[in-house]
Amino acid sequence: MPRRKKMENISLEEQLVTVEQEIKTTEAELKELRLKAKDLRKKIEDKQKDEIFSALIASGKTVEEVMKYLKSGNEEKAE
């Protein structure tokens, strides 16, 4: 891998080109990290949904019973 010239030994124009290339590289890395974070958030959400569904099944309650319970709990808090 060729060594990069020291910044003080190259022209301002070359320095600008170098900095702009670094910006593009960093932006690409940032975009990749944002996509990775989005994917991780989705996986966490899916895991939580699976845990809730498993708890629902294990409780023996119907979906309607759980929904009624959740709605009644929200009404109590609103009052």
Protein backbone atom coordinates (compact mmCIF):
# COMPACT_ATOMS: atom_id res chain seq x y z
CA MET A 1 0.00 0.00 0.00
CA PRO A 2 1.60 3.28 -1.07
CA ARG A 3 2.31 5.81 1.59
CA ARG A 4 0.28 8.96 1.56
CA LYS A 5 2.23 12.18 1.25
CA LYS A 6 2.30 14.37 4.31
CA MET A 7 -0.40 17.00 4.04
CA GLU A 8 2.03 19.88 4.34
CA ASN A 9 4.02 18.58 1.35
CA ILE A 10 1.09 18.61 -1.10
CA SER A 11 -0.80 21.48 -2.69
CA LEU A 12 -4.03 22.85 -1.29
CA GLU A 13 -5.92 21.41 -4.23
CA GLU A 14 -4.52 17.94 -3.53
CA GLN A 15 -5.36 18.35 0.14
CA LEU A 16 -8.93 19.25 -0.83
CA VAL A 17 -9.23 16.17 -3.05
CA THR A 18 -7.91 14.00 -0.23
CA VAL A 19 -10.33 15.48 2.31
CA GLU A 20 -13.28 15.11 -0.09
CA GLN A 21 -12.38 11.45 -0.63
CA GLU A 22 -12.25 10.92 3.13
CA ILE A 23 -15.67 12.58 3.46
CA LYS A 24 -17.14 10.22 0.84
CA THR A 25 -15.64 7.21 2.59
CA THR A 26 -16.92 8.35 5.97
CA GLU A 27 -20.40 9.05 4.56
CA ALA A 28 -20.51 5.54 3.09
CA GLU A 29 -19.46 4.06 6.43
CA LEU A 30 -22.09 6.15 8.23
CA LYS A 31 -24.78 4.98 5.81
CA GLU A 32 -23.74 1.38 6.40
CA LEU A 33 -23.81 1.86 10.19
CA ARG A 34 -27.29 3.43 10.01
CA LEU A 35 -28.57 0.44 8.02
CA LYS A 36 -27.00 -1.93 10.54
CA ALA A 37 -28.65 -0.04 13.43
CA LYS A 38 -32.00 -0.17 11.64
CA ASP A 39 -31.62 -3.92 11.13
CA LEU A 40 -30.73 -4.42 14.80
CA ARG A 41 -33.75 -2.39 15.93
CA LYS A 42 -35.97 -4.56 13.72
CA LYS A 43 -34.47 -7.75 15.18
CA ILE A 44 -35.02 -6.46 18.72
CA GLU A 45 -38.62 -5.58 17.90
CA ASP A 46 -39.21 -9.02 16.35
CA LYS A 47 -37.71 -10.70 19.41
CA GLN A 48 -39.98 -8.70 21.71
CA LYS A 49 -43.02 -9.63 19.60
CA ASP A 50 -42.06 -13.29 19.83
CA GLU A 51 -41.69 -13.02 23.62
CA ILE A 52 -45.11 -11.37 23.95
CA PHE A 53 -46.71 -13.99 21.71
CA SER A 54 -45.10 -16.81 23.70
CA ALA A 55 -46.36 -15.29 26.95
CA LEU A 56 -49.85 -15.02 25.44
CA ILE A 57 -49.83 -18.68 24.43
CA ALA A 58 -48.44 -19.77 27.80
CA SER A 59 -51.14 -17.81 29.66
CA GLY A 60 -53.93 -19.83 28.06
CA LYS A 61 -55.89 -16.64 27.46
CA THR A 62 -57.46 -15.76 24.14
CA VAL A 63 -56.36 -12.77 22.13
CA GLU A 64 -59.72 -11.15 22.87
CA GLU A 65 -59.26 -11.61 26.63
CA VAL A 66 -55.80 -10.07 26.54
CA MET A 67 -56.99 -7.16 24.39
CA LYS A 68 -59.90 -6.53 26.77
CA TYR A 69 -57.49 -6.59 29.72
CA LEU A 70 -55.07 -4.19 28.06
CA LYS A 71 -57.84 -1.80 27.06
CA SER A 72 -59.35 -1.81 30.55
CA GLY A 73 -55.92 -1.07 32.03
CA ASN A 74 -55.48 1.94 29.74
CA GLU A 75 -58.91 3.31 30.66
CA GLU A 76 -58.08 3.11 34.36
CA LYS A 77 -54.91 5.11 33.83
CA ALA A 78 -56.78 7.78 31.81
CA GLU A 79 -59.27 8.41 34.62
